Amino acid sequence: QVRLVESGGGLVQPGGSLRLSCAASGSFVFSLYSMGWYRQAPGKQRELVASITSGRSNYGDSVKGRFTISRENVKNTVYLQMNNLKPEDTAVYYCNLAGNWWGQGTQVTVSS
């Protein structure tokens, strides 16, 4: 059984920063699994923001150079540092484990 809990969302002005966290729990070895952040804006499909395995990370084109994904295996936690946020980054952000398990999501709103 896997549980993913996101936190860190909120309202931020354009150009601002937020750091999302996703804490994983359950009967599995966290370090063995890929982790990802996805987002879904109203009326749009869910899209990959960033993913990370033990040795490499991958980013969606729209966030490259602005977002950074990282993980802390001893804490079973993955992070998403989001800098220079834009209104088009507004969405519900979801944490994903190994392509199979999802968190409940956290709202990010970028607006002046």
N, C-alpha and C. Protein backbone atom coordinates (compact mmCIF):
# COMPACT_ATOMS: atom_id res chain seq x y z
N GLN A 1 0.85 -1.19 0.00
CA GLN A 1 0.00 0.00 0.00
C GLN A 1 0.88 1.23 0.00
N VAL A 2 0.56 2.19 -0.89
CA VAL A 2 1.36 3.39 -1.06
C VAL A 2 0.51 4.61 -0.75
N ARG A 3 1.10 5.55 -0.03
CA ARG A 3 0.43 6.83 0.22
C ARG A 3 1.39 7.95 -0.13
N LEU A 4 0.88 8.92 -0.90
CA LEU A 4 1.66 10.09 -1.30
C LEU A 4 0.92 11.33 -0.84
N VAL A 5 1.62 12.21 -0.13
CA VAL A 5 1.00 13.43 0.39
C VAL A 5 1.81 14.63 -0.06
N GLU A 6 1.18 15.48 -0.88
CA GLU A 6 1.83 16.69 -1.37
C GLU A 6 1.57 17.85 -0.41
N SER A 7 2.47 18.80 -0.41
CA SER A 7 2.31 20.04 0.34
C SER A 7 3.14 21.13 -0.31
N GLY A 8 2.85 22.38 0.07
CA GLY A 8 3.66 23.49 -0.39
C GLY A 8 3.02 24.37 -1.44
N GLY A 9 1.84 23.99 -1.91
CA GLY A 9 1.15 24.82 -2.89
C GLY A 9 0.64 26.11 -2.28
N GLY A 10 0.14 26.99 -3.15
CA GLY A 10 -0.40 28.25 -2.65
C GLY A 10 -0.51 29.27 -3.74
N LEU A 11 -0.73 30.51 -3.32
CA LEU A 11 -0.85 31.64 -4.24
C LEU A 11 0.46 32.42 -4.25
N VAL A 12 0.98 32.70 -5.43
CA VAL A 12 2.23 33.43 -5.56
C VAL A 12 2.13 34.38 -6.74
N GLN A 13 2.86 35.48 -6.65
CA GLN A 13 2.85 36.45 -7.74
C GLN A 13 3.76 35.98 -8.87
N PRO A 14 3.52 36.43 -10.08
CA PRO A 14 4.42 36.10 -11.20
C PRO A 14 5.86 36.49 -10.85
N GLY A 15 6.78 35.60 -11.21
CA GLY A 15 8.18 35.80 -10.87
C GLY A 15 8.59 35.23 -9.53
N GLY A 16 7.61 34.81 -8.75
CA GLY A 16 7.89 34.26 -7.42
C GLY A 16 8.29 32.80 -7.47
N SER A 17 8.48 32.24 -6.27
CA SER A 17 8.94 30.86 -6.13
C SER A 17 8.07 30.11 -5.13
N LEU A 18 8.00 28.80 -5.35
CA LEU A 18 7.37 27.89 -4.41
C LEU A 18 8.17 26.59 -4.40
N ARG A 19 8.10 25.89 -3.29
CA ARG A 19 8.71 24.57 -3.19
C ARG A 19 7.65 23.57 -2.77
N LEU A 20 7.39 22.61 -3.64
CA LEU A 20 6.46 21.54 -3.33
C LEU A 20 7.20 20.35 -2.74
N SER A 21 6.53 19.66 -1.84
CA SER A 21 7.08 18.44 -1.25
C SER A 21 6.06 17.31 -1.42
N CYS A 22 6.58 16.11 -1.54
CA CYS A 22 5.72 14.92 -1.60
C CYS A 22 6.34 13.86 -0.72
N ALA A 23 5.63 13.50 0.35
CA ALA A 23 6.11 12.48 1.27
C ALA A 23 5.44 11.16 0.95
N ALA A 24 6.24 10.14 0.77
CA ALA A 24 5.72 8.81 0.44
C ALA A 24 5.81 7.88 1.64
N SER A 25 4.83 7.03 1.77
CA SER A 25 4.85 6.03 2.84
C SER A 25 4.25 4.73 2.32
N GLY A 26 4.65 3.64 2.96
CA GLY A 26 4.15 2.33 2.55
C GLY A 26 5.24 1.29 2.60
N SER A 27 4.89 0.10 2.19
CA SER A 27 5.82 -1.03 2.27
C SER A 27 6.58 -1.18 0.96
N PHE A 28 7.53 -0.32 0.75
CA PHE A 28 8.36 -0.35 -0.45
C PHE A 28 9.66 0.40 -0.16
N VAL A 29 10.63 0.15 -1.02
CA VAL A 29 11.92 0.84 -0.88
C VAL A 29 11.91 2.05 -1.79
N PHE A 30 11.74 3.20 -1.20
CA PHE A 30 11.53 4.44 -1.95
C PHE A 30 12.62 4.69 -2.99
N SER A 31 13.86 4.44 -2.62
CA SER A 31 14.98 4.79 -3.49
C SER A 31 14.99 4.00 -4.79
N LEU A 32 14.26 2.91 -4.86
CA LEU A 32 14.25 2.07 -6.05
C LEU A 32 13.30 2.55 -7.14
N TYR A 33 12.46 3.52 -6.81
CA TYR A 33 11.39 3.90 -7.72
C TYR A 33 11.58 5.30 -8.29
N SER A 34 11.16 5.45 -9.54
CA SER A 34 11.12 6.79 -10.13
C SER A 34 9.98 7.58 -9.50
N MET A 35 10.20 8.88 -9.39
CA MET A 35 9.18 9.79 -8.86
C MET A 35 8.94 10.89 -9.88
N GLY A 36 7.73 11.39 -9.92
CA GLY A 36 7.42 12.43 -10.87
C GLY A 36 6.44 13.45 -10.32
N TRP A 37 6.49 14.62 -10.91
CA TRP A 37 5.49 15.67 -10.66
C TRP A 37 4.74 15.91 -11.97
N TYR A 38 3.43 15.94 -11.87
CA TYR A 38 2.56 16.24 -12.99
C TYR A 38 1.67 17.42 -12.59
N ARG A 39 1.06 18.03 -13.59
CA ARG A 39 0.12 19.09 -13.28
C ARG A 39 -1.06 19.04 -14.25
N GLN A 40 -2.16 19.56 -13.76
CA GLN A 40 -3.37 19.63 -14.60
C GLN A 40 -4.05 20.96 -14.37
N ALA A 41 -4.15 21.72 -15.44
CA ALA A 41 -4.86 22.99 -15.41
C ALA A 41 -6.30 22.76 -15.85
N PRO A 42 -7.22 23.66 -15.46
CA PRO A 42 -8.62 23.48 -15.84
C PRO A 42 -8.78 23.35 -17.35
N GLY A 43 -9.50 22.34 -17.77
CA GLY A 43 -9.76 22.14 -19.18
C GLY A 43 -8.63 21.55 -19.98
N LYS A 44 -7.54 21.18 -19.30
CA LYS A 44 -6.38 20.64 -20.00
C LYS A 44 -6.05 19.24 -19.48
N GLN A 45 -5.28 18.51 -20.28
CA GLN A 45 -4.86 17.18 -19.86
C GLN A 45 -3.74 17.27 -18.83
N ARG A 46 -3.62 16.24 -18.03
CA ARG A 46 -2.52 16.18 -17.08
C ARG A 46 -1.22 16.02 -17.85
N GLU A 47 -0.19 16.77 -17.47
CA GLU A 47 1.08 16.74 -18.18
C GLU A 47 2.24 16.54 -17.20
N LEU A 48 3.30 15.92 -17.73
CA LEU A 48 4.50 15.73 -16.93
C LEU A 48 5.23 17.05 -16.73
N VAL A 49 5.59 17.33 -15.50
CA VAL A 49 6.39 18.51 -15.18
C VAL A 49 7.86 18.09 -15.07
N ALA A 50 8.11 17.07 -14.25
CA ALA A 50 9.48 16.61 -14.04
C ALA A 50 9.45 15.21 -13.44
N SER A 51 10.50 14.46 -13.70
CA SER A 51 10.63 13.14 -13.11
C SER A 51 12.08 12.91 -12.71
N ILE A 52 12.27 11.98 -11.78
CA ILE A 52 13.61 11.71 -11.28
C ILE A 52 13.75 10.25 -10.91
N THR A 53 14.88 9.66 -11.35
CA THR A 53 15.23 8.32 -10.91
C THR A 53 16.47 8.47 -10.02
N SER A 54 17.19 7.38 -9.84
CA SER A 54 18.34 7.47 -8.95
C SER A 54 19.46 8.32 -9.54
N GLY A 55 19.51 8.38 -10.87
CA GLY A 55 20.66 9.04 -11.44
C GLY A 55 20.38 10.19 -12.40
N ARG A 56 19.13 10.38 -12.75
CA ARG A 56 18.86 11.43 -13.73
C ARG A 56 17.47 12.02 -13.53
N SER A 57 17.33 13.23 -14.06
CA SER A 57 16.05 13.92 -14.00
C SER A 57 15.63 14.34 -15.40
N ASN A 58 14.35 14.56 -15.56
CA ASN A 58 13.78 14.91 -16.85
C ASN A 58 12.72 15.98 -16.63
N TYR A 59 12.62 16.95 -17.57
CA TYR A 59 11.71 18.07 -17.39
C TYR A 59 10.86 18.29 -18.64
N GLY A 60 9.65 18.78 -18.41
CA GLY A 60 8.84 19.23 -19.51
C GLY A 60 9.45 20.50 -20.11
N ASP A 61 9.23 20.70 -21.39
CA ASP A 61 9.87 21.84 -22.07
C ASP A 61 9.48 23.17 -21.45
N SER A 62 8.25 23.28 -20.98
CA SER A 62 7.78 24.57 -20.49
C SER A 62 8.39 24.98 -19.15
N VAL A 63 9.03 24.05 -18.46
CA VAL A 63 9.58 24.37 -17.13
C VAL A 63 11.10 24.27 -17.08
N LYS A 64 11.71 23.85 -18.14
CA LYS A 64 13.18 23.71 -18.16
C LYS A 64 13.85 25.03 -17.82
N GLY A 65 14.82 24.97 -16.92
CA GLY A 65 15.55 26.16 -16.51
C GLY A 65 14.88 26.93 -15.39
N ARG A 66 13.63 26.58 -15.05
CA ARG A 66 12.91 27.28 -13.98
C ARG A 66 12.60 26.36 -12.80
N PHE A 67 12.33 25.10 -13.07
CA PHE A 67 11.95 24.13 -12.03
C PHE A 67 13.09 23.14 -11.82
N THR A 68 13.22 22.67 -10.59
CA THR A 68 14.20 21.65 -10.27
C THR A 68 13.57 20.58 -9.39
N ILE A 69 13.70 19.33 -9.82
CA ILE A 69 13.20 18.21 -9.03
C ILE A 69 14.37 17.60 -8.27
N SER A 70 14.11 17.19 -7.05
CA SER A 70 15.13 16.53 -6.24
C SER A 70 14.45 15.53 -5.31
N ARG A 71 15.24 14.65 -4.73
CA ARG A 71 14.67 13.67 -3.82
C ARG A 71 15.60 13.47 -2.64
N GLU A 72 15.01 13.12 -1.53
CA GLU A 72 15.76 12.83 -0.30
C GLU A 72 15.30 11.44 0.16
N ASN A 73 16.05 10.44 -0.24
CA ASN A 73 15.60 9.06 -0.03
C ASN A 73 15.47 8.69 1.45
N VAL A 74 16.31 9.26 2.30
CA VAL A 74 16.22 8.92 3.72
C VAL A 74 14.92 9.42 4.33
N LYS A 75 14.29 10.40 3.69
CA LYS A 75 13.02 10.94 4.17
C LYS A 75 11.85 10.50 3.30
N ASN A 76 12.11 9.65 2.30
CA ASN A 76 11.05 9.21 1.38
C ASN A 76 10.29 10.40 0.80
N THR A 77 11.03 11.41 0.39
CA THR A 77 10.41 12.66 -0.05
C THR A 77 11.02 13.12 -1.36
N VAL A 78 10.16 13.65 -2.22
CA VAL A 78 10.60 14.29 -3.45
C VAL A 78 10.13 15.73 -3.44
N TYR A 79 10.94 16.61 -4.01
CA TYR A 79 10.67 18.05 -3.99
C TYR A 79 10.57 18.59 -5.42
N LEU A 80 9.89 19.71 -5.54
CA LEU A 80 9.88 20.45 -6.80
C LEU A 80 10.06 21.92 -6.46
N GLN A 81 11.25 22.43 -6.75
CA GLN A 81 11.53 23.85 -6.57
C GLN A 81 11.11 24.58 -7.83
N MET A 82 10.21 25.53 -7.68
CA MET A 82 9.66 26.25 -8.82
C MET A 82 10.04 27.72 -8.70
N ASN A 83 10.83 28.20 -9.65
CA ASN A 83 11.26 29.59 -9.66
C ASN A 83 10.71 30.31 -10.88
N ASN A 84 10.71 31.63 -10.82
CA ASN A 84 10.23 32.45 -11.93
C ASN A 84 8.87 31.96 -12.42
N LEU A 85 7.95 31.80 -11.50
CA LEU A 85 6.63 31.25 -11.84
C LEU A 85 5.86 32.20 -12.73
N LYS A 86 5.08 31.60 -13.63
CA LYS A 86 4.28 32.34 -14.59
C LYS A 86 2.81 31.99 -14.40
N PRO A 87 1.91 32.86 -14.84
CA PRO A 87 0.47 32.54 -14.71
C PRO A 87 0.10 31.21 -15.35
N GLU A 88 0.77 30.84 -16.41
CA GLU A 88 0.48 29.58 -17.08
C GLU A 88 0.95 28.36 -16.29
N ASP A 89 1.65 28.57 -15.20
CA ASP A 89 2.01 27.45 -14.31
C ASP A 89 0.88 27.11 -13.34
N THR A 90 -0.17 27.91 -13.35
CA THR A 90 -1.31 27.66 -12.47
C THR A 90 -1.95 26.31 -12.80
N ALA A 91 -2.05 25.45 -11.78
CA ALA A 91 -2.59 24.10 -11.98
C ALA A 91 -2.62 23.39 -10.64
N VAL A 92 -3.25 22.23 -10.64
CA VAL A 92 -3.10 21.30 -9.52
C VAL A 92 -1.89 20.42 -9.82
N TYR A 93 -0.98 20.35 -8.88
CA TYR A 93 0.25 19.58 -9.05
C TYR A 93 0.13 18.27 -8.28
N TYR A 94 0.45 17.19 -9.00
CA TYR A 94 0.32 15.85 -8.43
C TYR A 94 1.67 15.16 -8.38
N CYS A 95 1.87 14.43 -7.32
CA CYS A 95 3.05 13.59 -7.16
C CYS A 95 2.71 12.19 -7.66
N ASN A 96 3.69 11.55 -8.28
CA ASN A 96 3.48 10.22 -8.83
C ASN A 96 4.65 9.30 -8.49
N LEU A 97 4.33 8.07 -8.15
CA LEU A 97 5.35 7.07 -7.84
C LEU A 97 5.32 5.98 -8.90
N ALA A 98 6.38 5.83 -9.59
CA ALA A 98 6.57 4.74 -10.54
C ALA A 98 5.49 4.64 -11.60
N GLY A 99 4.86 5.74 -11.89
CA GLY A 99 3.82 5.76 -12.91
C GLY A 99 2.50 5.15 -12.49
N ASN A 100 2.41 4.71 -11.24
CA ASN A 100 1.22 3.97 -10.82
C ASN A 100 0.41 4.63 -9.72
N TRP A 101 1.07 5.27 -8.77
CA TRP A 101 0.37 5.81 -7.61
C TRP A 101 0.41 7.33 -7.62
N TRP A 102 -0.70 7.92 -7.18
CA TRP A 102 -0.87 9.37 -7.23
C TRP A 102 -1.20 9.93 -5.86
N GLY A 103 -0.74 11.16 -5.61
CA GLY A 103 -1.17 11.89 -4.45
C GLY A 103 -2.48 12.60 -4.74
N GLN A 104 -2.96 13.36 -3.75
CA GLN A 104 -4.26 14.02 -3.88
C GLN A 104 -4.15 15.34 -4.61
N GLY A 105 -2.93 15.85 -4.78
CA GLY A 105 -2.72 17.10 -5.49
C GLY A 105 -2.64 18.31 -4.58
N THR A 106 -1.93 19.32 -5.04
CA THR A 106 -1.85 20.59 -4.33
C THR A 106 -1.98 21.72 -5.34
N GLN A 107 -2.78 22.71 -4.99
CA GLN A 107 -3.08 23.80 -5.93
C GLN A 107 -1.96 24.82 -5.93
N VAL A 108 -1.52 25.20 -7.12
CA VAL A 108 -0.58 26.30 -7.31
C VAL A 108 -1.26 27.35 -8.17
N THR A 109 -1.33 28.56 -7.68
CA THR A 109 -1.95 29.66 -8.40
C THR A 109 -0.95 30.79 -8.51
N VAL A 110 -0.68 31.19 -9.75
CA VAL A 110 0.25 32.29 -10.01
C VAL A 110 -0.56 33.45 -10.56
N SER A 111 -0.64 34.50 -9.77
CA SER A 111 -1.48 35.62 -10.14
C SER A 111 -1.06 36.86 -9.37
N SER A 112 -1.23 38.02 -10.03
CA SER A 112 -0.94 39.28 -9.35
C SER A 112 -2.21 39.83 -8.72
